[in-house]
Amino acid sequence: MKFKRTERIGAIVKILSDNPNKIYTLSFFTEKFNAAKSTISEDLLVVKDVFEKLELGRVITISGAAGGVKYIPKTSIEENKQFLMELCEKINDDSRKLSGGFLYLIDLIYNPVIVAKIGKIFASNLDYSEADYVVTMETKGIPMALMTAKAMNLPLVIIRKDMKVSEGPTLSMTYVTGGSNKVESMSLPRKALKPDSKVILIDDFMRGGGTLKGMKDLMHEFGAKVIGTGVFISTTKPQQKMVEDYISLIELDDNGETTIAKPNFKRFKDEYRELQF
């Protein structure tokens, strides 16, 4: 069956965007579309050019016997700012304020469209070229961590607050929360990480950084190295966090009377690094 050029290009865009960071050989497309390699190469050049012009991500060619082509999600800085400003407007709605100084955010962090965008922003601002896993802490951080893992094409590992019998032998440890100074526990199955892994940590909220520090300490117990950390929302107070090297998308500024959410632009890179994928 023969396909028109517009049909091939449409299908290639769909395949690549649905499977970020997955390498597809030219042979895969030639067999799928019953077309010559030269024809597919021309199609890919068109796709690559459109993606770059519209800042939809990068389509890169990998040389060698095991080479091919893959799509790397990438969001523009301007796009990120617009998205986060709109998100902060929703967070700052007075109807979200709860007693005790809390904010109702469940509808946002469980919204597939929103968390998919958050995942792409993390993937655009964290160097995951050598990462083996995305790691998060249950439960509210799971949706955005899952979407981040999808954008990075990495498996997701979830740290539990309680041991699960069905997960086999587990390593547990205690940590002190950065906000309330309470002692909590976290656990992870021994089989969750392979030896000498490199991981990206994703969390939904950070006040003092105690949970993230606990996650980093747990990774150390597994012999894993943390090479990047992303936080959806962080607070301005306390100013000194228990972790240092992290990206926070939104910052909550509490002046004692009101709590205002604002995009945390100072945590973004001024320019995107040319990552070596």
C-alpha atoms as a PDB file:
ATOM      1  CA  MET A   1       0.000   0.000   0.000  1.00  0.00           C
ATOM      2  CA  LYS A   2       1.368   3.387  -1.029  1.00  0.00           C
ATOM      3  CA  PHE A   3       0.997   6.533   1.034  1.00  0.00           C
ATOM      4  CA  LYS A   4       0.976  10.154  -0.053  1.00  0.00           C
ATOM      5  CA  ARG A   5       3.684  12.422   1.343  1.00  0.00           C
ATOM      6  CA  THR A   6       1.230  14.316   3.541  1.00  0.00           C
ATOM      7  CA  GLU A   7       0.012  10.989   4.969  1.00  0.00           C
ATOM      8  CA  ARG A   8       3.548   9.815   5.711  1.00  0.00           C
ATOM      9  CA  ILE A   9       4.529  13.084   7.396  1.00  0.00           C
ATOM     10  CA  GLY A  10       1.364  13.113   9.496  1.00  0.00           C
ATOM     11  CA  ALA A  11       1.997   9.533  10.621  1.00  0.00           C
ATOM     12  CA  ILE A  12       5.684  10.221  11.375  1.00  0.00           C
ATOM     13  CA  VAL A  13       4.759  13.212  13.555  1.00  0.00           C
ATOM     14  CA  LYS A  14       2.211  11.088  15.429  1.00  0.00           C
ATOM     15  CA  ILE A  15       4.630   8.198  15.975  1.00  0.00           C
ATOM     16  CA  LEU A  16       7.532  10.362  17.147  1.00  0.00           C
ATOM     17  CA  SER A  17       5.496  12.660  19.412  1.00  0.00           C
ATOM     18  CA  ASP A  18       3.707   9.706  21.038  1.00  0.00           C
ATOM     19  CA  ASN A  19       7.031   8.024  21.785  1.00  0.00           C
ATOM     20  CA  PRO A  20       9.563  10.661  22.891  1.00  0.00           C
ATOM     21  CA  ASN A  21      13.223   9.693  23.150  1.00  0.00           C
ATOM     22  CA  LYS A  22      12.619   6.374  21.396  1.00  0.00           C
ATOM     23  CA  ILE A  23      14.894   5.632  18.447  1.00  0.00           C
ATOM     24  CA  TYR A  24      13.216   4.597  15.206  1.00  0.00           C
ATOM     25  CA  THR A  25      15.342   3.279  12.354  1.00  0.00           C
ATOM     26  CA  LEU A  26      14.810   4.385   8.790  1.00  0.00           C
ATOM     27  CA  SER A  27      13.983   0.765   8.002  1.00  0.00           C
ATOM     28  CA  PHE A  28      11.034   0.967  10.394  1.00  0.00           C
ATOM     29  CA  PHE A  29       9.505   3.785   8.360  1.00  0.00           C
ATOM     30  CA  THR A  30      10.430   2.359   4.941  1.00  0.00           C
ATOM     31  CA  GLU A  31       8.688  -0.903   5.785  1.00  0.00           C
ATOM     32  CA  LYS A  32       5.691   0.814   7.344  1.00  0.00           C
ATOM     33  CA  PHE A  33       5.116   3.153   4.405  1.00  0.00           C
ATOM     34  CA  ASN A  34       6.545   0.983   1.621  1.00  0.00           C
ATOM     35  CA  ALA A  35       8.879   3.797   0.605  1.00  0.00           C
ATOM     36  CA  ALA A  36      12.564   4.223  -0.205  1.00  0.00           C
ATOM     37  CA  LYS A  37      15.030   5.414   2.446  1.00  0.00           C
ATOM     38  CA  SER A  38      15.724   8.559   0.423  1.00  0.00           C
ATOM     39  CA  THR A  39      12.005   9.380   0.473  1.00  0.00           C
ATOM     40  CA  ILE A  40      11.748   8.848   4.217  1.00  0.00           C
ATOM     41  CA  SER A  41      14.866  10.973   4.782  1.00  0.00           C
ATOM     42  CA  GLU A  42      13.218  13.848   2.935  1.00  0.00           C
ATOM     43  CA  ASP A  43      10.049  13.415   5.007  1.00  0.00           C
ATOM     44  CA  LEU A  44      12.066  13.523   8.220  1.00  0.00           C
ATOM     45  CA  LEU A  45      13.799  16.725   7.156  1.00  0.00           C
ATOM     46  CA  VAL A  46      10.397  18.367   6.720  1.00  0.00           C
ATOM     47  CA  VAL A  47       9.252  17.143  10.142  1.00  0.00           C
ATOM     48  CA  LYS A  48      12.483  18.311  11.763  1.00  0.00           C
ATOM     49  CA  ASP A  49      12.215  21.755  10.174  1.00  0.00           C
ATOM     50  CA  VAL A  50       8.589  22.269  11.276  1.00  0.00           C
ATOM     51  CA  PHE A  51       9.302  21.137  14.849  1.00  0.00           C
ATOM     52  CA  GLU A  52      12.224  23.567  15.129  1.00  0.00           C
ATOM     53  CA  LYS A  53      10.365  26.514  13.596  1.00  0.00           C
ATOM     54  CA  LEU A  54       7.362  26.070  15.900  1.00  0.00           C
ATOM     55  CA  GLU A  55       9.556  25.131  18.919  1.00  0.00           C
ATOM     56  CA  LEU A  56       7.677  21.849  19.346  1.00  0.00           C
ATOM     57  CA  GLY A  57      10.808  19.935  20.263  1.00  0.00           C
ATOM     58  CA  ARG A  58      13.813  18.467  18.506  1.00  0.00           C
ATOM     59  CA  VAL A  59      13.983  15.678  15.963  1.00  0.00           C
ATOM     60  CA  ILE A  60      17.546  14.397  15.867  1.00  0.00           C
ATOM     61  CA  THR A  61      19.282  11.861  13.664  1.00  0.00           C
ATOM     62  CA  ILE A  62      21.566   9.265  15.222  1.00  0.00           C
ATOM     63  CA  SER A  63      24.264   7.791  13.010  1.00  0.00           C
ATOM     64  CA  GLY A  64      25.681   4.294  13.111  1.00  0.00           C
ATOM     65  CA  ALA A  65      24.381   0.755  12.782  1.00  0.00           C
ATOM     66  CA  ALA A  66      22.011   1.188  15.725  1.00  0.00           C
ATOM     67  CA  GLY A  67      21.077   4.714  14.690  1.00  0.00           C
ATOM     68  CA  GLY A  68      17.907   6.258  13.433  1.00  0.00           C
ATOM     69  CA  VAL A  69      15.767   9.194  14.474  1.00  0.00           C
ATOM     70  CA  LYS A  70      14.045  10.261  17.689  1.00  0.00           C
ATOM     71  CA  TYR A  71      11.984  13.118  19.065  1.00  0.00           C
ATOM     72  CA  ILE A  72      13.041  15.047  22.181  1.00  0.00           C
ATOM     73  CA  PRO A  73      10.271  17.134  23.829  1.00  0.00           C
ATOM     74  CA  LYS A  74      11.249  20.729  24.393  1.00  0.00           C
ATOM     75  CA  THR A  75       9.194  23.728  25.463  1.00  0.00           C
ATOM     76  CA  SER A  76      10.207  27.318  24.838  1.00  0.00           C
ATOM     77  CA  ILE A  77      10.913  29.680  27.724  1.00  0.00           C
ATOM     78  CA  GLU A  78       8.133  31.999  26.541  1.00  0.00           C
ATOM     79  CA  GLU A  79       5.703  29.084  26.376  1.00  0.00           C
ATOM     80  CA  ASN A  80       6.669  28.027  29.903  1.00  0.00           C
ATOM     81  CA  LYS A  81       6.139  31.535  31.264  1.00  0.00           C
ATOM     82  CA  GLN A  82       2.706  31.851  29.681  1.00  0.00           C
ATOM     83  CA  PHE A  83       1.597  28.446  30.982  1.00  0.00           C
ATOM     84  CA  LEU A  84       2.862  29.045  34.515  1.00  0.00           C
ATOM     85  CA  MET A  85       1.386  32.538  34.711  1.00  0.00           C
ATOM     86  CA  GLU A  86      -2.023  31.144  33.776  1.00  0.00           C
ATOM     87  CA  LEU A  87      -1.579  28.332  36.300  1.00  0.00           C
ATOM     88  CA  CYS A  88      -0.655  30.797  39.055  1.00  0.00           C
ATOM     89  CA  GLU A  89      -3.815  32.788  38.337  1.00  0.00           C
ATOM     90  CA  LYS A  90      -5.820  29.647  39.036  1.00  0.00           C
ATOM     91  CA  ILE A  91      -3.843  28.872  42.197  1.00  0.00           C
ATOM     92  CA  ASN A  92      -4.312  32.437  43.486  1.00  0.00           C
ATOM     93  CA  ASP A  93      -8.099  32.193  43.243  1.00  0.00           C
ATOM     94  CA  ASP A  94      -9.527  32.954  46.708  1.00  0.00           C
ATOM     95  CA  SER A  95     -11.846  29.947  46.479  1.00  0.00           C
ATOM     96  CA  ARG A  96      -8.809  27.647  46.757  1.00  0.00           C
ATOM     97  CA  LYS A  97      -7.826  28.843  50.224  1.00  0.00           C
ATOM     98  CA  LEU A  98      -8.432  26.282  52.962  1.00  0.00           C
ATOM     99  CA  SER A  99      -8.219  26.578  56.733  1.00  0.00           C
ATOM    100  CA  GLY A 100      -4.730  26.205  58.172  1.00  0.00           C
ATOM    101  CA  GLY A 101      -3.106  28.074  55.296  1.00  0.00           C
ATOM    102  CA  PHE A 102      -3.490  25.234  52.787  1.00  0.00           C
ATOM    103  CA  LEU A 103      -4.489  25.490  49.139  1.00  0.00           C
ATOM    104  CA  TYR A 104      -6.788  23.173  47.204  1.00  0.00           C
ATOM    105  CA  LEU A 105      -4.695  21.908  44.271  1.00  0.00           C
ATOM    106  CA  ILE A 106      -5.971  18.373  43.660  1.00  0.00           C
ATOM    107  CA  ASP A 107      -7.952  19.318  40.547  1.00  0.00           C
ATOM    108  CA  LEU A 108      -4.810  20.861  39.011  1.00  0.00           C
ATOM    109  CA  ILE A 109      -2.213  18.210  39.800  1.00  0.00           C
ATOM    110  CA  TYR A 110      -4.579  15.443  38.671  1.00  0.00           C
ATOM    111  CA  ASN A 111      -5.484  17.208  35.417  1.00  0.00           C
ATOM    112  CA  PRO A 112      -3.855  15.220  32.552  1.00  0.00           C
ATOM    113  CA  VAL A 113      -3.398  18.276  30.326  1.00  0.00           C
ATOM    114  CA  ILE A 114      -1.719  20.298  33.069  1.00  0.00           C
ATOM    115  CA  VAL A 115       0.572  17.552  34.361  1.00  0.00           C
ATOM    116  CA  ALA A 116       1.551  16.569  30.808  1.00  0.00           C
ATOM    117  CA  LYS A 117       2.732  20.144  30.279  1.00  0.00           C
ATOM    118  CA  ILE A 118       4.558  20.124  33.620  1.00  0.00           C
ATOM    119  CA  GLY A 119       6.306  16.918  32.593  1.00  0.00           C
ATOM    120  CA  LYS A 120       7.484  18.485  29.336  1.00  0.00           C
ATOM    121  CA  ILE A 121       8.779  21.561  31.179  1.00  0.00           C
ATOM    122  CA  PHE A 122      10.800  19.363  33.539  1.00  0.00           C
ATOM    123  CA  ALA A 123      12.106  17.397  30.555  1.00  0.00           C
ATOM    124  CA  SER A 124      13.139  20.670  28.883  1.00  0.00           C
ATOM    125  CA  ASN A 125      15.004  21.978  31.928  1.00  0.00           C
ATOM    126  CA  LEU A 126      16.643  18.887  33.434  1.00  0.00           C
ATOM    127  CA  ASP A 127      19.530  17.055  31.812  1.00  0.00           C
ATOM    128  CA  TYR A 128      18.355  13.436  31.808  1.00  0.00           C
ATOM    129  CA  SER A 129      20.647  12.194  29.038  1.00  0.00           C
ATOM    130  CA  GLU A 130      22.350   9.760  31.447  1.00  0.00           C
ATOM    131  CA  ALA A 131      19.365   9.049  33.713  1.00  0.00           C
ATOM    132  CA  ASP A 132      17.987   5.557  34.280  1.00  0.00           C
ATOM    133  CA  TYR A 133      14.852   6.380  36.286  1.00  0.00           C
ATOM    134  CA  VAL A 134      12.467   9.097  37.391  1.00  0.00           C
ATOM    135  CA  VAL A 135      11.788   8.781  41.130  1.00  0.00           C
ATOM    136  CA  THR A 136       8.967  10.336  43.148  1.00  0.00           C
ATOM    137  CA  MET A 137       7.255  10.062  46.524  1.00  0.00           C
ATOM    138  CA  GLU A 138       3.630   8.953  46.776  1.00  0.00           C
ATOM    139  CA  THR A 139       0.981  10.189  46.299  1.00  0.00           C
ATOM    140  CA  LYS A 140       0.307  13.668  44.879  1.00  0.00           C
ATOM    141  CA  GLY A 141       3.597  13.791  43.008  1.00  0.00           C
ATOM    142  CA  ILE A 142       2.834  10.647  41.007  1.00  0.00           C
ATOM    143  CA  PRO A 143       0.845  12.207  38.095  1.00  0.00           C
ATOM    144  CA  MET A 144       3.471  14.830  37.202  1.00  0.00           C
ATOM    145  CA  ALA A 145       6.323  12.372  37.786  1.00  0.00           C
ATOM    146  CA  LEU A 146       4.628   9.888  35.468  1.00  0.00           C
ATOM    147  CA  MET A 147       4.256  12.527  32.739  1.00  0.00           C
ATOM    148  CA  THR A 148       7.880  13.566  33.267  1.00  0.00           C
ATOM    149  CA  ALA A 149       8.936   9.942  32.902  1.00  0.00           C
ATOM    150  CA  LYS A 150       6.902   9.703  29.695  1.00  0.00           C
ATOM    151  CA  ALA A 151       8.519  12.833  28.257  1.00  0.00           C
ATOM    152  CA  MET A 152      11.962  11.471  29.173  1.00  0.00           C
ATOM    153  CA  ASN A 153      11.065   7.899  28.132  1.00  0.00           C
ATOM    154  CA  LEU A 154      12.275   6.565  31.484  1.00  0.00           C
ATOM    155  CA  PRO A 155      10.698   4.117  33.953  1.00  0.00           C
ATOM    156  CA  LEU A 156       9.022   5.613  37.026  1.00  0.00           C
ATOM    157  CA  VAL A 157       9.931   4.467  40.545  1.00  0.00           C
ATOM    158  CA  ILE A 158       7.600   5.356  43.427  1.00  0.00           C
ATOM    159  CA  ILE A 159       8.831   5.640  47.002  1.00  0.00           C
ATOM    160  CA  ARG A 160       6.169   4.479  49.461  1.00  0.00           C
ATOM    161  CA  LYS A 161       5.283   5.824  52.874  1.00  0.00           C
ATOM    162  CA  ASP A 162       4.445   2.289  53.978  1.00  0.00           C
ATOM    163  CA  MET A 163       5.839  -1.077  52.972  1.00  0.00           C
ATOM    164  CA  LYS A 164       3.874  -3.229  50.517  1.00  0.00           C
ATOM    165  CA  VAL A 165       4.046  -6.992  51.050  1.00  0.00           C
ATOM    166  CA  SER A 166       3.592  -7.586  47.335  1.00  0.00           C
ATOM    167  CA  GLU A 167       6.811  -5.689  46.508  1.00  0.00           C
ATOM    168  CA  GLY A 168       9.184  -8.090  48.266  1.00  0.00           C
ATOM    169  CA  PRO A 169      12.187  -7.149  50.440  1.00  0.00           C
ATOM    170  CA  THR A 170      12.169  -3.417  51.124  1.00  0.00           C
ATOM    171  CA  LEU A 171      14.635  -0.838  52.392  1.00  0.00           C
ATOM    172  CA  SER A 172      13.021   1.617  54.825  1.00  0.00           C
ATOM    173  CA  MET A 173      14.404   4.730  56.465  1.00  0.00           C
ATOM    174  CA  THR A 174      13.188   7.681  58.503  1.00  0.00           C
ATOM    175  CA  TYR A 175      13.501  11.349  57.636  1.00  0.00           C
ATOM    176  CA  VAL A 176      12.557  14.685  59.162  1.00  0.00           C
ATOM    177  CA  THR A 177      10.095  16.837  57.238  1.00  0.00           C
ATOM    178  CA  GLY A 178      11.328  20.332  56.487  1.00  0.00           C
ATOM    179  CA  GLY A 179       8.044  22.038  57.333  1.00  0.00           C
ATOM    180  CA  SER A 180       6.778  20.486  60.567  1.00  0.00           C
ATOM    181  CA  ASN A 181       9.954  18.720  61.777  1.00  0.00           C
ATOM    182  CA  LYS A 182       7.963  15.512  62.119  1.00  0.00           C
ATOM    183  CA  VAL A 183       9.705  12.165  61.766  1.00  0.00           C
ATOM    184  CA  GLU A 184       8.259  10.185  58.853  1.00  0.00           C
ATOM    185  CA  SER A 185       9.269   6.993  57.093  1.00  0.00           C
ATOM    186  CA  MET A 186       9.748   6.020  53.459  1.00  0.00           C
ATOM    187  CA  SER A 187      10.482   2.704  51.807  1.00  0.00           C
ATOM    188  CA  LEU A 188      11.495   1.279  48.451  1.00  0.00           C
ATOM    189  CA  PRO A 189      11.712  -2.334  47.226  1.00  0.00           C
ATOM    190  CA  ARG A 190      15.237  -3.688  46.895  1.00  0.00           C
ATOM    191  CA  LYS A 191      14.515  -4.597  43.261  1.00  0.00           C
ATOM    192  CA  ALA A 192      13.293  -1.119  42.308  1.00  0.00           C
ATOM    193  CA  LEU A 193      16.670   0.218  41.148  1.00  0.00           C
ATOM    194  CA  LYS A 194      19.520  -1.481  39.363  1.00  0.00           C
ATOM    195  CA  PRO A 195      23.034  -0.990  40.794  1.00  0.00           C
ATOM    196  CA  ASP A 196      24.801   2.338  40.143  1.00  0.00           C
ATOM    197  CA  SER A 197      21.662   3.979  38.762  1.00  0.00           C
ATOM    198  CA  LYS A 198      21.339   7.652  37.946  1.00  0.00           C
ATOM    199  CA  VAL A 199      17.980   9.201  38.783  1.00  0.00           C
ATOM    200  CA  ILE A 200      15.838  12.301  38.399  1.00  0.00           C
ATOM    201  CA  LEU A 201      13.787  13.238  41.484  1.00  0.00           C
ATOM    202  CA  ILE A 202      10.343  14.827  41.036  1.00  0.00           C
ATOM    203  CA  ASP A 203       8.174  16.142  43.880  1.00  0.00           C
ATOM    204  CA  ASP A 204       4.953  18.137  43.971  1.00  0.00           C
ATOM    205  CA  PHE A 205       5.655  20.467  46.909  1.00  0.00           C
ATOM    206  CA  MET A 206       8.615  21.631  48.980  1.00  0.00           C
ATOM    207  CA  ARG A 207       8.668  23.790  52.076  1.00  0.00           C
ATOM    208  CA  GLY A 208      11.907  23.075  53.914  1.00  0.00           C
ATOM    209  CA  GLY A 209      13.154  20.301  51.656  1.00  0.00           C
ATOM    210  CA  GLY A 210      13.060  17.515  54.239  1.00  0.00           C
ATOM    211  CA  THR A 211      11.213  15.050  52.015  1.00  0.00           C
ATOM    212  CA  LEU A 212      13.546  15.621  49.072  1.00  0.00           C
ATOM    213  CA  LYS A 213      16.570  15.272  51.337  1.00  0.00           C
ATOM    214  CA  GLY A 214      15.116  11.999  52.594  1.00  0.00           C
ATOM    215  CA  MET A 215      14.624  10.841  48.995  1.00  0.00           C
ATOM    216  CA  LYS A 216      18.241  11.727  48.187  1.00  0.00           C
ATOM    217  CA  ASP A 217      19.471   9.876  51.275  1.00  0.00           C
ATOM    218  CA  LEU A 218      17.421   6.839  50.259  1.00  0.00           C
ATOM    219  CA  MET A 219      18.943   6.922  46.781  1.00  0.00           C
ATOM    220  CA  HIS A 220      22.371   6.994  48.419  1.00  0.00           C
ATOM    221  CA  GLU A 221      21.475   3.846  50.362  1.00  0.00           C
ATOM    222  CA  PHE A 222      20.701   2.178  47.035  1.00  0.00           C
ATOM    223  CA  GLY A 223      24.004   3.329  45.562  1.00  0.00           C
ATOM    224  CA  ALA A 224      22.141   5.569  43.106  1.00  0.00           C
ATOM    225  CA  LYS A 225      23.204   9.071  42.055  1.00  0.00           C
ATOM    226  CA  VAL A 226      20.739  11.964  41.842  1.00  0.00           C
ATOM    227  CA  ILE A 227      21.545  13.968  38.700  1.00  0.00           C
ATOM    228  CA  GLY A 228      18.510  16.275  38.673  1.00  0.00           C
ATOM    229  CA  THR A 229      15.652  17.428  40.900  1.00  0.00           C
ATOM    230  CA  GLY A 230      12.375  19.040  39.896  1.00  0.00           C
ATOM    231  CA  VAL A 231       9.730  20.520  42.196  1.00  0.00           C
ATOM    232  CA  PHE A 232       6.329  21.763  41.083  1.00  0.00           C
ATOM    233  CA  ILE A 233       5.760  24.247  43.930  1.00  0.00           C
ATOM    234  CA  SER A 234       8.219  25.554  46.553  1.00  0.00           C
ATOM    235  CA  THR A 235       7.759  28.150  49.289  1.00  0.00           C
ATOM    236  CA  THR A 236       9.873  31.255  49.840  1.00  0.00           C
ATOM    237  CA  LYS A 237      10.093  30.443  53.565  1.00  0.00           C
ATOM    238  CA  PRO A 238      12.209  29.051  54.985  1.00  0.00           C
ATOM    239  CA  GLN A 239      14.718  30.625  52.636  1.00  0.00           C
ATOM    240  CA  GLN A 240      17.366  28.037  53.515  1.00  0.00           C
ATOM    241  CA  LYS A 241      16.299  24.654  52.169  1.00  0.00           C
ATOM    242  CA  MET A 242      17.671  21.250  53.100  1.00  0.00           C
ATOM    243  CA  VAL A 243      18.460  20.689  49.402  1.00  0.00           C
ATOM    244  CA  GLU A 244      20.157  23.103  47.018  1.00  0.00           C
ATOM    245  CA  ASP A 245      20.339  22.035  43.385  1.00  0.00           C
ATOM    246  CA  TYR A 246      16.742  21.880  42.166  1.00  0.00           C
ATOM    247  CA  ILE A 247      14.320  23.421  39.672  1.00  0.00           C
ATOM    248  CA  SER A 248      11.076  24.828  41.056  1.00  0.00           C
ATOM    249  CA  LEU A 249       8.352  25.862  38.622  1.00  0.00           C
ATOM    250  CA  ILE A 250       6.134  27.878  40.970  1.00  0.00           C
ATOM    251  CA  GLU A 251       6.992  29.726  44.175  1.00  0.00           C
ATOM    252  CA  LEU A 252       4.567  30.441  47.024  1.00  0.00           C
ATOM    253  CA  ASP A 253       5.294  33.768  48.711  1.00  0.00           C
ATOM    254  CA  ASP A 254       3.747  33.996  52.194  1.00  0.00           C
ATOM    255  CA  ASN A 255       3.978  37.516  53.637  1.00  0.00           C
ATOM    256  CA  GLY A 256       2.011  36.640  56.776  1.00  0.00           C
ATOM    257  CA  GLU A 257      -1.318  37.901  55.470  1.00  0.00           C
ATOM    258  CA  THR A 258      -1.659  36.397  52.006  1.00  0.00           C
ATOM    259  CA  THR A 259      -0.032  33.572  50.048  1.00  0.00           C
ATOM    260  CA  ILE A 260       0.700  34.402  46.432  1.00  0.00           C
ATOM    261  CA  ALA A 261       1.820  31.928  43.769  1.00  0.00           C
ATOM    262  CA  LYS A 262       4.169  33.189  41.077  1.00  0.00           C
ATOM    263  CA  PRO A 263       6.290  31.557  38.371  1.00  0.00           C
ATOM    264  CA  ASN A 264       9.777  30.839  39.663  1.00  0.00           C
ATOM    265  CA  PHE A 265      11.640  32.185  36.638  1.00  0.00           C
ATOM    266  CA  LYS A 266      14.917  32.537  38.513  1.00  0.00           C
ATOM    267  CA  ARG A 267      15.054  28.746  38.734  1.00  0.00           C
ATOM    268  CA  PHE A 268      14.823  28.361  34.955  1.00  0.00           C
ATOM    269  CA  LYS A 269      17.880  28.238  32.748  1.00  0.00           C
ATOM    270  CA  ASP A 270      18.502  31.526  30.949  1.00  0.00           C
ATOM    271  CA  GLU A 271      19.120  29.547  27.804  1.00  0.00           C
ATOM    272  CA  TYR A 272      18.556  25.881  27.032  1.00  0.00           C
ATOM    273  CA  ARG A 273      21.641  23.734  27.148  1.00  0.00           C
ATOM    274  CA  GLU A 274      22.465  21.698  24.101  1.00  0.00           C
ATOM    275  CA  LEU A 275      22.054  18.352  25.819  1.00  0.00           C
ATOM    276  CA  GLN A 276      24.073  15.445  24.502  1.00  0.00           C
ATOM    277  CA  PHE A 277      21.418  12.819  23.821  1.00  0.00           C
END
